[in-house]
Protein backbone atom coordinates (compact mmCIF):
# COMPACT_ATOMS: atom_id res chain seq x y z
CA MET A 1 53.47 -4.40 -122.33
CA GLU A 2 51.92 -7.37 -120.60
CA THR A 3 50.98 -7.02 -116.93
CA GLN A 4 52.46 -9.74 -114.77
CA LYS A 5 50.31 -11.07 -111.96
CA ILE A 6 52.16 -11.59 -108.71
CA ASN A 7 51.10 -14.54 -106.57
CA THR A 8 51.52 -13.97 -102.87
CA ALA A 9 51.30 -16.36 -99.95
CA ILE A 10 51.20 -15.19 -96.36
CA ILE A 11 51.99 -17.71 -93.64
CA ILE A 12 51.23 -16.85 -90.03
CA LEU A 13 52.61 -18.98 -87.23
CA ASN A 14 50.18 -19.36 -84.36
CA TRP A 15 50.23 -20.83 -80.90
CA ASN A 16 47.44 -19.73 -78.58
CA GLY A 17 47.26 -16.40 -80.39
CA ILE A 18 43.50 -15.98 -80.67
CA ASP A 19 43.64 -12.42 -79.30
CA LEU A 20 46.22 -11.42 -81.93
CA LEU A 21 44.25 -13.17 -84.69
CA LYS A 22 41.10 -11.29 -83.68
CA LYS A 23 42.99 -7.99 -83.63
CA PHE A 24 45.03 -8.23 -86.84
CA LEU A 25 43.39 -10.70 -89.25
CA PRO A 26 40.53 -8.41 -90.34
CA THR A 27 43.01 -5.75 -91.48
CA LEU A 28 45.29 -8.30 -93.13
CA MET A 29 42.34 -9.78 -95.01
CA ALA A 30 41.20 -6.34 -96.20
CA LYS A 31 44.68 -5.38 -97.43
CA SER A 32 45.57 -8.77 -98.96
CA LYS A 33 42.61 -9.65 -101.15
CA ASN A 34 44.67 -11.52 -103.75
CA ALA A 35 46.95 -13.38 -101.35
CA ASN A 36 46.69 -16.97 -100.19
CA ILE A 37 46.73 -16.84 -96.41
CA TYR A 38 47.80 -19.80 -94.28
CA ILE A 39 47.76 -20.18 -90.52
CA ALA A 40 50.30 -22.74 -89.26
CA ASP A 41 48.98 -23.65 -85.83
CA ASN A 42 51.18 -25.43 -83.31
CA ALA A 43 48.56 -27.28 -81.21
CA SER A 44 46.82 -24.25 -79.75
CA THR A 45 44.47 -24.82 -76.84
CA ASP A 46 42.75 -21.41 -76.87
CA ASN A 47 40.12 -22.10 -79.58
CA SER A 48 42.18 -20.37 -82.28
CA ILE A 49 41.21 -23.02 -84.84
CA LYS A 50 37.49 -22.79 -84.05
CA PHE A 51 37.68 -19.00 -84.32
CA LEU A 52 39.35 -19.25 -87.74
CA GLU A 53 36.92 -21.90 -88.99
CA ASP A 54 33.92 -19.82 -87.89
CA ASN A 55 35.13 -16.43 -89.11
CA PHE A 56 37.70 -16.85 -91.88
CA THR A 57 36.64 -19.74 -94.11
CA ASN A 58 38.95 -18.63 -96.94
CA ILE A 59 42.11 -19.03 -94.82
CA LYS A 60 43.92 -22.33 -95.08
CA ILE A 61 44.78 -23.93 -91.74
CA LEU A 62 47.85 -26.09 -91.29
CA GLN A 63 47.22 -27.73 -87.94
CA LYS A 64 49.94 -29.54 -86.03
CA ASP A 65 49.18 -31.84 -83.11
CA ARG A 66 52.14 -30.72 -81.01
């Protein structure tokens, strides 16, 4: 029997959620090693994007300007 690989994508909506990202992303990353993780940011002003760029380089950021 052939093992089927499951591709998973996780999309997190964010708006000024840096505190939640700091709290929950490390656990999500540890438990989701084979998943593609995306953060869809809705023009945050709390340095969420900088935090992600500095600490989670393997997460894909979808940044909106409004």
